[in-house]
Amino acid sequence: MASRLDRKLVVDTALRLLNEVGLDGLTLRRIAKELNVQAPALYWHFKNKQALLDEMATEMLRRMIADGPDGPDDAATAEALGMGWQDMVIGACSALRRELLGYRDGAKVFSGTRMTDDSAAQPLEIFLGRFVEAGFTPDDAARCWWTAYNFTIGQVIEEQSVYPVPGAPEQRSAAVRDPAYDLTDRERRLGADYPLAARAGRELFDEMDRGFEAGLRVIVAGIEATMAPRKATAPRREAGAEPPRRAAASGRPTASGTG
């Protein structure tokens, strides 16, 4: 029997087993067997599997933050370097993706769980602060990060379906691809009747790194187009000055660009 069964030991064991058996195979009974205890002993620490997943996700976050500049605490580094919010979003999401890919089903464990402490508060405060300093409202700052974050989580869930073996993206090979994602077979089945859908397979399920980077660029461009504060405002008209003339019924803009 484990000499001292505590929450940290249970969580560390669960995260190790996660890489071996995946989320579906991770049960309290399996963890108890690994720890050489009876399953009821774990219920002193976690009332059910969801409570364990919450603590696992929180521990994953703690480890990410402890990684320093390579983790989600990149917001602090961005602040120190005067990095713009665009680069900060790309850097933080890229770091989050890399960390989650290090755990089998890491994104599934991380999504939909509740943090069991305030570990996320400080990096989030710094991150949102960078947006606010750039002129975003606090609400818009939160929405911007939440959008980029959810894109990253969804991307990693899809990636880990194709490449279930944990590890860095550059370590991938055809040998670790799930055989269900045989792109040649997919193209053969779909090509005659659905040529565009067939062709999309290579882009969606093969070029994962490029797809992630392209998706992030879309997110950043969308934020810039719809939510980012304008860098310049229209010049204020002095009291008594004539308003700019508008174009006739053609609707074309005048030289002032006001239309």
C-alpha atoms as a PDB file:
ATOM      1  CA  MET A   1       0.000   0.000   0.000  1.00  0.00           C
ATOM      2  CA  ALA A   2       1.179   3.518  -0.731  1.00  0.00           C
ATOM      3  CA  SER A   3       2.898   4.924   2.349  1.00  0.00           C
ATOM      4  CA  ARG A   4       0.963   8.195   2.190  1.00  0.00           C
ATOM      5  CA  LEU A   5      -2.057   8.429  -0.042  1.00  0.00           C
ATOM      6  CA  ASP A   6      -2.844  12.091  -0.676  1.00  0.00           C
ATOM      7  CA  ARG A   7      -4.445  14.125  -3.443  1.00  0.00           C
ATOM      8  CA  LYS A   8      -1.163  14.973  -5.153  1.00  0.00           C
ATOM      9  CA  LEU A   9      -0.084  11.347  -5.350  1.00  0.00           C
ATOM     10  CA  VAL A  10      -3.433  10.359  -6.812  1.00  0.00           C
ATOM     11  CA  VAL A  11      -3.328  13.152  -9.397  1.00  0.00           C
ATOM     12  CA  ASP A  12       0.292  12.503 -10.389  1.00  0.00           C
ATOM     13  CA  THR A  13      -0.537   8.841 -10.853  1.00  0.00           C
ATOM     14  CA  ALA A  14      -3.659   9.670 -12.860  1.00  0.00           C
ATOM     15  CA  LEU A  15      -1.727  11.953 -15.218  1.00  0.00           C
ATOM     16  CA  ARG A  16       0.898   9.288 -15.755  1.00  0.00           C
ATOM     17  CA  LEU A  17      -1.726   6.644 -16.455  1.00  0.00           C
ATOM     18  CA  LEU A  18      -3.550   9.026 -18.784  1.00  0.00           C
ATOM     19  CA  ASN A  19      -0.654   8.791 -21.229  1.00  0.00           C
ATOM     20  CA  GLU A  20      -0.861   5.008 -21.117  1.00  0.00           C
ATOM     21  CA  VAL A  21      -4.590   4.291 -21.291  1.00  0.00           C
ATOM     22  CA  GLY A  22      -6.223   7.533 -22.442  1.00  0.00           C
ATOM     23  CA  LEU A  23      -9.237   9.250 -20.947  1.00  0.00           C
ATOM     24  CA  ASP A  24     -11.660   6.401 -21.624  1.00  0.00           C
ATOM     25  CA  GLY A  25      -9.401   3.886 -19.919  1.00  0.00           C
ATOM     26  CA  LEU A  26      -8.697   6.059 -16.903  1.00  0.00           C
ATOM     27  CA  THR A  27     -10.931   4.916 -14.046  1.00  0.00           C
ATOM     28  CA  LEU A  28     -10.705   5.276 -10.295  1.00  0.00           C
ATOM     29  CA  ARG A  29     -10.441   1.494 -10.091  1.00  0.00           C
ATOM     30  CA  ARG A  30      -7.446   1.522 -12.474  1.00  0.00           C
ATOM     31  CA  ILE A  31      -5.749   4.256 -10.459  1.00  0.00           C
ATOM     32  CA  ALA A  32      -6.389   2.421  -7.205  1.00  0.00           C
ATOM     33  CA  LYS A  33      -4.825  -0.716  -8.637  1.00  0.00           C
ATOM     34  CA  GLU A  34      -1.750   1.243  -9.674  1.00  0.00           C
ATOM     35  CA  LEU A  35      -1.473   2.642  -6.135  1.00  0.00           C
ATOM     36  CA  ASN A  36      -2.104  -0.785  -4.595  1.00  0.00           C
ATOM     37  CA  VAL A  37      -5.127   0.399  -2.643  1.00  0.00           C
ATOM     38  CA  GLN A  38      -8.825  -0.361  -2.749  1.00  0.00           C
ATOM     39  CA  ALA A  39     -10.942   1.963  -4.912  1.00  0.00           C
ATOM     40  CA  PRO A  40     -12.977   3.289  -1.924  1.00  0.00           C
ATOM     41  CA  ALA A  41      -9.758   4.765  -0.510  1.00  0.00           C
ATOM     42  CA  LEU A  42      -9.726   7.274  -3.374  1.00  0.00           C
ATOM     43  CA  TYR A  43     -13.171   8.587  -2.492  1.00  0.00           C
ATOM     44  CA  TRP A  44     -11.709  10.214   0.601  1.00  0.00           C
ATOM     45  CA  HIS A  45      -9.984  12.585  -1.816  1.00  0.00           C
ATOM     46  CA  PHE A  46     -12.274  12.693  -4.884  1.00  0.00           C
ATOM     47  CA  LYS A  47     -15.989  12.046  -4.752  1.00  0.00           C
ATOM     48  CA  ASN A  48     -16.145  11.013  -8.415  1.00  0.00           C
ATOM     49  CA  LYS A  49     -14.162  10.959 -11.643  1.00  0.00           C
ATOM     50  CA  GLN A  50     -15.170  14.516 -12.567  1.00  0.00           C
ATOM     51  CA  ALA A  51     -13.692  15.845  -9.351  1.00  0.00           C
ATOM     52  CA  LEU A  52     -10.481  14.018 -10.215  1.00  0.00           C
ATOM     53  CA  LEU A  53     -10.480  15.466 -13.743  1.00  0.00           C
ATOM     54  CA  ASP A  54     -10.905  18.960 -12.296  1.00  0.00           C
ATOM     55  CA  GLU A  55      -7.822  18.475 -10.143  1.00  0.00           C
ATOM     56  CA  MET A  56      -5.890  16.910 -13.032  1.00  0.00           C
ATOM     57  CA  ALA A  57      -6.626  19.920 -15.242  1.00  0.00           C
ATOM     58  CA  THR A  58      -5.578  22.262 -12.450  1.00  0.00           C
ATOM     59  CA  GLU A  59      -2.320  20.371 -11.982  1.00  0.00           C
ATOM     60  CA  MET A  60      -1.700  20.526 -15.738  1.00  0.00           C
ATOM     61  CA  LEU A  61      -2.105  24.297 -15.539  1.00  0.00           C
ATOM     62  CA  ARG A  62       0.241  24.553 -12.566  1.00  0.00           C
ATOM     63  CA  ARG A  63       2.880  22.687 -14.537  1.00  0.00           C
ATOM     64  CA  MET A  64       2.379  24.936 -17.552  1.00  0.00           C
ATOM     65  CA  ILE A  65       2.848  28.041 -15.418  1.00  0.00           C
ATOM     66  CA  ALA A  66       5.900  26.527 -13.741  1.00  0.00           C
ATOM     67  CA  ASP A  67       7.442  26.055 -17.194  1.00  0.00           C
ATOM     68  CA  GLY A  68       8.028  29.822 -17.250  1.00  0.00           C
ATOM     69  CA  PRO A  69       8.366  31.637 -20.596  1.00  0.00           C
ATOM     70  CA  ASP A  70       7.333  28.552 -22.551  1.00  0.00           C
ATOM     71  CA  GLY A  71       3.997  28.195 -20.766  1.00  0.00           C
ATOM     72  CA  PRO A  72       0.716  30.120 -20.704  1.00  0.00           C
ATOM     73  CA  ASP A  73       2.385  32.628 -18.394  1.00  0.00           C
ATOM     74  CA  ASP A  74       3.846  34.051 -21.619  1.00  0.00           C
ATOM     75  CA  ALA A  75       1.648  37.047 -20.782  1.00  0.00           C
ATOM     76  CA  ALA A  76       4.221  38.128 -18.193  1.00  0.00           C
ATOM     77  CA  THR A  77       7.004  37.765 -20.736  1.00  0.00           C
ATOM     78  CA  ALA A  78       4.958  39.738 -23.250  1.00  0.00           C
ATOM     79  CA  GLU A  79       4.539  42.521 -20.724  1.00  0.00           C
ATOM     80  CA  ALA A  80       8.257  42.639 -20.038  1.00  0.00           C
ATOM     81  CA  LEU A  81       9.143  42.731 -23.732  1.00  0.00           C
ATOM     82  CA  GLY A  82       6.447  45.204 -24.708  1.00  0.00           C
ATOM     83  CA  MET A  83       4.973  42.617 -27.066  1.00  0.00           C
ATOM     84  CA  GLY A  84       1.784  43.549 -28.883  1.00  0.00           C
ATOM     85  CA  TRP A  85      -1.457  41.755 -28.101  1.00  0.00           C
ATOM     86  CA  GLN A  86      -1.382  39.986 -31.481  1.00  0.00           C
ATOM     87  CA  ASP A  87       1.945  38.284 -30.802  1.00  0.00           C
ATOM     88  CA  MET A  88       0.874  37.569 -27.242  1.00  0.00           C
ATOM     89  CA  VAL A  89      -2.246  35.715 -28.417  1.00  0.00           C
ATOM     90  CA  ILE A  90      -0.268  33.670 -30.919  1.00  0.00           C
ATOM     91  CA  GLY A  91       2.475  32.887 -28.406  1.00  0.00           C
ATOM     92  CA  ALA A  92       0.151  31.928 -25.565  1.00  0.00           C
ATOM     93  CA  CYS A  93      -2.104  29.742 -27.739  1.00  0.00           C
ATOM     94  CA  SER A  94       0.898  28.042 -29.335  1.00  0.00           C
ATOM     95  CA  ALA A  95       2.352  27.299 -25.893  1.00  0.00           C
ATOM     96  CA  LEU A  96      -0.991  25.998 -24.628  1.00  0.00           C
ATOM     97  CA  ARG A  97      -1.323  23.708 -27.656  1.00  0.00           C
ATOM     98  CA  ARG A  98       2.172  22.296 -27.188  1.00  0.00           C
ATOM     99  CA  GLU A  99       1.596  21.597 -23.498  1.00  0.00           C
ATOM    100  CA  LEU A 100      -1.747  19.874 -24.051  1.00  0.00           C
ATOM    101  CA  LEU A 101      -0.291  17.704 -26.815  1.00  0.00           C
ATOM    102  CA  GLY A 102       2.086  16.348 -24.181  1.00  0.00           C
ATOM    103  CA  TYR A 103      -0.797  14.477 -22.525  1.00  0.00           C
ATOM    104  CA  ARG A 104      -2.898  11.840 -24.197  1.00  0.00           C
ATOM    105  CA  ASP A 105      -6.403  13.327 -24.533  1.00  0.00           C
ATOM    106  CA  GLY A 106      -4.956  16.396 -22.825  1.00  0.00           C
ATOM    107  CA  ALA A 107      -7.398  18.831 -24.425  1.00  0.00           C
ATOM    108  CA  LYS A 108     -10.394  16.705 -23.463  1.00  0.00           C
ATOM    109  CA  VAL A 109      -9.225  16.632 -19.858  1.00  0.00           C
ATOM    110  CA  PHE A 110      -8.586  20.386 -19.865  1.00  0.00           C
ATOM    111  CA  SER A 111     -11.871  21.420 -21.507  1.00  0.00           C
ATOM    112  CA  GLY A 112     -15.068  21.629 -19.522  1.00  0.00           C
ATOM    113  CA  THR A 113     -13.325  21.260 -16.175  1.00  0.00           C
ATOM    114  CA  ARG A 114     -13.288  23.634 -13.229  1.00  0.00           C
ATOM    115  CA  MET A 115     -10.056  24.844 -11.730  1.00  0.00           C
ATOM    116  CA  THR A 116      -9.754  23.836  -8.090  1.00  0.00           C
ATOM    117  CA  ASP A 117      -7.623  26.834  -7.103  1.00  0.00           C
ATOM    118  CA  ASP A 118      -6.733  30.312  -8.363  1.00  0.00           C
ATOM    119  CA  SER A 119      -3.665  29.293 -10.390  1.00  0.00           C
ATOM    120  CA  ALA A 120      -5.105  30.768 -13.585  1.00  0.00           C
ATOM    121  CA  ALA A 121      -5.932  34.168 -12.101  1.00  0.00           C
ATOM    122  CA  GLN A 122      -2.515  35.844 -12.186  1.00  0.00           C
ATOM    123  CA  PRO A 123      -1.537  34.951 -15.790  1.00  0.00           C
ATOM    124  CA  LEU A 124      -5.054  35.771 -16.944  1.00  0.00           C
ATOM    125  CA  GLU A 125      -4.940  39.141 -15.180  1.00  0.00           C
ATOM    126  CA  ILE A 126      -1.660  40.025 -16.899  1.00  0.00           C
ATOM    127  CA  PHE A 127      -2.921  38.780 -20.241  1.00  0.00           C
ATOM    128  CA  LEU A 128      -6.174  40.724 -20.124  1.00  0.00           C
ATOM    129  CA  GLY A 129      -4.266  43.746 -18.873  1.00  0.00           C
ATOM    130  CA  ARG A 130      -2.250  43.795 -22.087  1.00  0.00           C
ATOM    131  CA  PHE A 131      -5.476  43.997 -24.070  1.00  0.00           C
ATOM    132  CA  VAL A 132      -6.828  46.788 -21.880  1.00  0.00           C
ATOM    133  CA  GLU A 133      -3.575  48.718 -22.222  1.00  0.00           C
ATOM    134  CA  ALA A 134      -4.028  48.450 -26.003  1.00  0.00           C
ATOM    135  CA  GLY A 135      -7.436  50.124 -25.681  1.00  0.00           C
ATOM    136  CA  PHE A 136      -9.835  47.193 -25.428  1.00  0.00           C
ATOM    137  CA  THR A 137     -12.636  47.279 -22.895  1.00  0.00           C
ATOM    138  CA  PRO A 138     -12.344  44.632 -20.166  1.00  0.00           C
ATOM    139  CA  ASP A 139     -15.334  42.767 -21.617  1.00  0.00           C
ATOM    140  CA  ASP A 140     -13.864  42.787 -25.119  1.00  0.00           C
ATOM    141  CA  ALA A 141     -10.504  41.660 -23.756  1.00  0.00           C
ATOM    142  CA  ALA A 142     -12.150  38.670 -22.092  1.00  0.00           C
ATOM    143  CA  ARG A 143     -14.073  37.798 -25.262  1.00  0.00           C
ATOM    144  CA  CYS A 144     -10.936  38.007 -27.414  1.00  0.00           C
ATOM    145  CA  TRP A 145      -8.984  35.638 -25.189  1.00  0.00           C
ATOM    146  CA  TRP A 146     -11.927  33.269 -24.774  1.00  0.00           C
ATOM    147  CA  THR A 147     -12.329  32.996 -28.546  1.00  0.00           C
ATOM    148  CA  ALA A 148      -8.652  32.246 -29.149  1.00  0.00           C
ATOM    149  CA  TYR A 149      -8.557  29.834 -26.205  1.00  0.00           C
ATOM    150  CA  ASN A 150     -11.565  27.840 -27.388  1.00  0.00           C
ATOM    151  CA  PHE A 151     -10.168  27.631 -30.913  1.00  0.00           C
ATOM    152  CA  THR A 152      -6.962  26.183 -29.464  1.00  0.00           C
ATOM    153  CA  ILE A 153      -8.766  23.629 -27.312  1.00  0.00           C
ATOM    154  CA  GLY A 154     -10.931  22.499 -30.226  1.00  0.00           C
ATOM    155  CA  GLN A 155      -7.914  22.253 -32.527  1.00  0.00           C
ATOM    156  CA  VAL A 156      -6.011  20.075 -30.060  1.00  0.00           C
ATOM    157  CA  ILE A 157      -9.002  17.772 -29.506  1.00  0.00           C
ATOM    158  CA  GLU A 158      -9.109  17.153 -33.273  1.00  0.00           C
ATOM    159  CA  GLU A 159      -5.338  16.714 -33.463  1.00  0.00           C
ATOM    160  CA  GLN A 160      -5.352  14.163 -30.671  1.00  0.00           C
ATOM    161  CA  SER A 161      -7.982  12.148 -32.500  1.00  0.00           C
ATOM    162  CA  VAL A 162      -5.614  11.863 -35.464  1.00  0.00           C
ATOM    163  CA  TYR A 163      -2.425  11.524 -33.406  1.00  0.00           C
ATOM    164  CA  PRO A 164      -3.415   9.944 -30.064  1.00  0.00           C
ATOM    165  CA  VAL A 165       0.167   9.312 -28.907  1.00  0.00           C
ATOM    166  CA  PRO A 166       1.291  12.256 -26.747  1.00  0.00           C
ATOM    167  CA  GLY A 167       4.268  14.293 -27.808  1.00  0.00           C
ATOM    168  CA  ALA A 168       5.478  17.442 -29.510  1.00  0.00           C
ATOM    169  CA  PRO A 169       4.201  18.090 -33.064  1.00  0.00           C
ATOM    170  CA  GLU A 170       7.665  17.690 -34.593  1.00  0.00           C
ATOM    171  CA  GLN A 171       7.874  14.162 -33.156  1.00  0.00           C
ATOM    172  CA  ARG A 172       4.907  12.925 -35.170  1.00  0.00           C
ATOM    173  CA  SER A 173       5.220  10.294 -37.841  1.00  0.00           C
ATOM    174  CA  ALA A 174       2.914   8.136 -39.914  1.00  0.00           C
ATOM    175  CA  ALA A 175       3.465   5.361 -37.373  1.00  0.00           C
ATOM    176  CA  VAL A 176       1.545   7.229 -34.648  1.00  0.00           C
ATOM    177  CA  ARG A 177      -1.374   8.319 -36.840  1.00  0.00           C
ATOM    178  CA  ASP A 178      -4.693   6.635 -36.055  1.00  0.00           C
ATOM    179  CA  PRO A 179      -5.311   4.226 -38.964  1.00  0.00           C
ATOM    180  CA  ALA A 180      -8.914   5.447 -39.105  1.00  0.00           C
ATOM    181  CA  TYR A 181      -7.485   8.619 -40.678  1.00  0.00           C
ATOM    182  CA  ASP A 182      -6.148   6.965 -43.834  1.00  0.00           C
ATOM    183  CA  LEU A 183      -6.254   9.921 -46.196  1.00  0.00           C
ATOM    184  CA  THR A 184      -5.498   7.898 -49.306  1.00  0.00           C
ATOM    185  CA  ASP A 185      -8.456   5.626 -48.596  1.00  0.00           C
ATOM    186  CA  ARG A 186     -10.628   8.653 -47.825  1.00  0.00           C
ATOM    187  CA  GLU A 187      -9.776  10.243 -51.157  1.00  0.00           C
ATOM    188  CA  ARG A 188     -10.482   6.999 -52.966  1.00  0.00           C
ATOM    189  CA  ARG A 189     -13.917   6.674 -51.378  1.00  0.00           C
ATOM    190  CA  LEU A 190     -15.000  10.280 -51.804  1.00  0.00           C
ATOM    191  CA  GLY A 191     -13.089  11.498 -54.820  1.00  0.00           C
ATOM    192  CA  ALA A 192     -15.504  10.596 -57.609  1.00  0.00           C
ATOM    193  CA  ASP A 193     -18.654  12.066 -56.087  1.00  0.00           C
ATOM    194  CA  TYR A 194     -17.286  14.618 -53.605  1.00  0.00           C
ATOM    195  CA  PRO A 195     -13.972  15.924 -54.987  1.00  0.00           C
ATOM    196  CA  LEU A 196     -13.814  19.010 -52.761  1.00  0.00           C
ATOM    197  CA  ALA A 197     -14.574  17.039 -49.611  1.00  0.00           C
ATOM    198  CA  ALA A 198     -11.966  14.482 -50.630  1.00  0.00           C
ATOM    199  CA  ARG A 199      -9.337  17.122 -51.209  1.00  0.00           C
ATOM    200  CA  ALA A 200     -10.111  18.824 -47.878  1.00  0.00           C
ATOM    201  CA  GLY A 201      -8.879  15.795 -45.959  1.00  0.00           C
ATOM    202  CA  ARG A 202      -5.216  16.626 -46.533  1.00  0.00           C
ATOM    203  CA  GLU A 203      -5.722  20.174 -45.304  1.00  0.00           C
ATOM    204  CA  LEU A 204      -7.835  19.204 -42.290  1.00  0.00           C
ATOM    205  CA  PHE A 205      -6.140  16.025 -41.062  1.00  0.00           C
ATOM    206  CA  ASP A 206      -2.578  16.180 -42.340  1.00  0.00           C
ATOM    207  CA  GLU A 207      -1.268  19.743 -42.196  1.00  0.00           C
ATOM    208  CA  MET A 208      -2.033  20.182 -38.503  1.00  0.00           C
ATOM    209  CA  ASP A 209       0.705  22.690 -37.719  1.00  0.00           C
ATOM    210  CA  ARG A 210      -0.055  24.827 -40.743  1.00  0.00           C
ATOM    211  CA  GLY A 211      -3.779  24.630 -40.051  1.00  0.00           C
ATOM    212  CA  PHE A 212      -3.329  25.778 -36.473  1.00  0.00           C
ATOM    213  CA  GLU A 213      -1.154  28.709 -37.470  1.00  0.00           C
ATOM    214  CA  ALA A 214      -3.579  29.724 -40.220  1.00  0.00           C
ATOM    215  CA  GLY A 215      -6.526  29.495 -37.833  1.00  0.00           C
ATOM    216  CA  LEU A 216      -4.786  31.710 -35.290  1.00  0.00           C
ATOM    217  CA  ARG A 217      -4.109  34.287 -37.970  1.00  0.00           C
ATOM    218  CA  VAL A 218      -7.812  34.266 -38.825  1.00  0.00           C
ATOM    219  CA  ILE A 219      -8.693  34.788 -35.155  1.00  0.00           C
ATOM    220  CA  VAL A 220      -6.260  37.678 -34.775  1.00  0.00           C
ATOM    221  CA  ALA A 221      -7.390  39.283 -38.029  1.00  0.00           C
ATOM    222  CA  GLY A 222     -11.020  38.948 -36.950  1.00  0.00           C
ATOM    223  CA  ILE A 223     -10.290  40.618 -33.618  1.00  0.00           C
ATOM    224  CA  GLU A 224      -8.468  43.434 -35.387  1.00  0.00           C
ATOM    225  CA  ALA A 225     -11.352  43.914 -37.820  1.00  0.00           C
ATOM    226  CA  THR A 226     -14.255  43.768 -35.384  1.00  0.00           C
ATOM    227  CA  MET A 227     -13.102  44.545 -31.841  1.00  0.00           C
ATOM    228  CA  ALA A 228      -9.736  46.264 -31.800  1.00  0.00           C
ATOM    229  CA  PRO A 229      -9.796  49.971 -30.893  1.00  0.00           C
ATOM    230  CA  ARG A 230      -9.326  52.291 -33.847  1.00  0.00           C
ATOM    231  CA  LYS A 231      -5.852  53.749 -33.985  1.00  0.00           C
ATOM    232  CA  ALA A 232      -7.123  57.064 -35.291  1.00  0.00           C
ATOM    233  CA  THR A 233     -10.364  58.934 -34.911  1.00  0.00           C
ATOM    234  CA  ALA A 234     -12.030  61.383 -37.278  1.00  0.00           C
ATOM    235  CA  PRO A 235     -10.850  64.979 -36.725  1.00  0.00           C
ATOM    236  CA  ARG A 236     -13.152  67.012 -34.535  1.00  0.00           C
ATOM    237  CA  ARG A 237     -15.044  69.771 -36.386  1.00  0.00           C
ATOM    238  CA  GLU A 238     -14.548  73.224 -34.901  1.00  0.00           C
ATOM    239  CA  ALA A 239     -17.640  75.074 -33.734  1.00  0.00           C
ATOM    240  CA  GLY A 240     -19.239  77.046 -36.562  1.00  0.00           C
ATOM    241  CA  ALA A 241     -17.348  75.235 -39.311  1.00  0.00           C
ATOM    242  CA  GLU A 242     -19.282  73.884 -42.251  1.00  0.00           C
ATOM    243  CA  PRO A 243     -19.914  70.156 -42.212  1.00  0.00           C
ATOM    244  CA  PRO A 244     -18.177  68.199 -44.989  1.00  0.00           C
ATOM    245  CA  ARG A 245     -20.137  68.106 -48.207  1.00  0.00           C
ATOM    246  CA  ARG A 246     -21.706  64.812 -49.048  1.00  0.00           C
ATOM    247  CA  ALA A 247     -21.776  63.300 -52.490  1.00  0.00           C
ATOM    248  CA  ALA A 248     -24.898  63.587 -54.577  1.00  0.00           C
ATOM    249  CA  ALA A 249     -27.342  60.765 -55.036  1.00  0.00           C
ATOM    250  CA  SER A 250     -24.656  58.537 -56.546  1.00  0.00           C
ATOM    251  CA  GLY A 251     -23.611  57.548 -53.000  1.00  0.00           C
ATOM    252  CA  ARG A 252     -19.915  57.678 -53.890  1.00  0.00           C
ATOM    253  CA  PRO A 253     -17.707  59.000 -51.097  1.00  0.00           C
ATOM    254  CA  THR A 254     -16.356  62.496 -51.237  1.00  0.00           C
ATOM    255  CA  ALA A 255     -12.664  63.228 -50.873  1.00  0.00           C
ATOM    256  CA  SER A 256     -13.137  63.120 -47.123  1.00  0.00           C
ATOM    257  CA  GLY A 257     -14.101  59.433 -47.324  1.00  0.00           C
ATOM    258  CA  THR A 258     -17.243  59.885 -45.288  1.00  0.00           C
ATOM    259  CA  GLY A 259     -19.590  58.844 -48.086  1.00  0.00           C
END
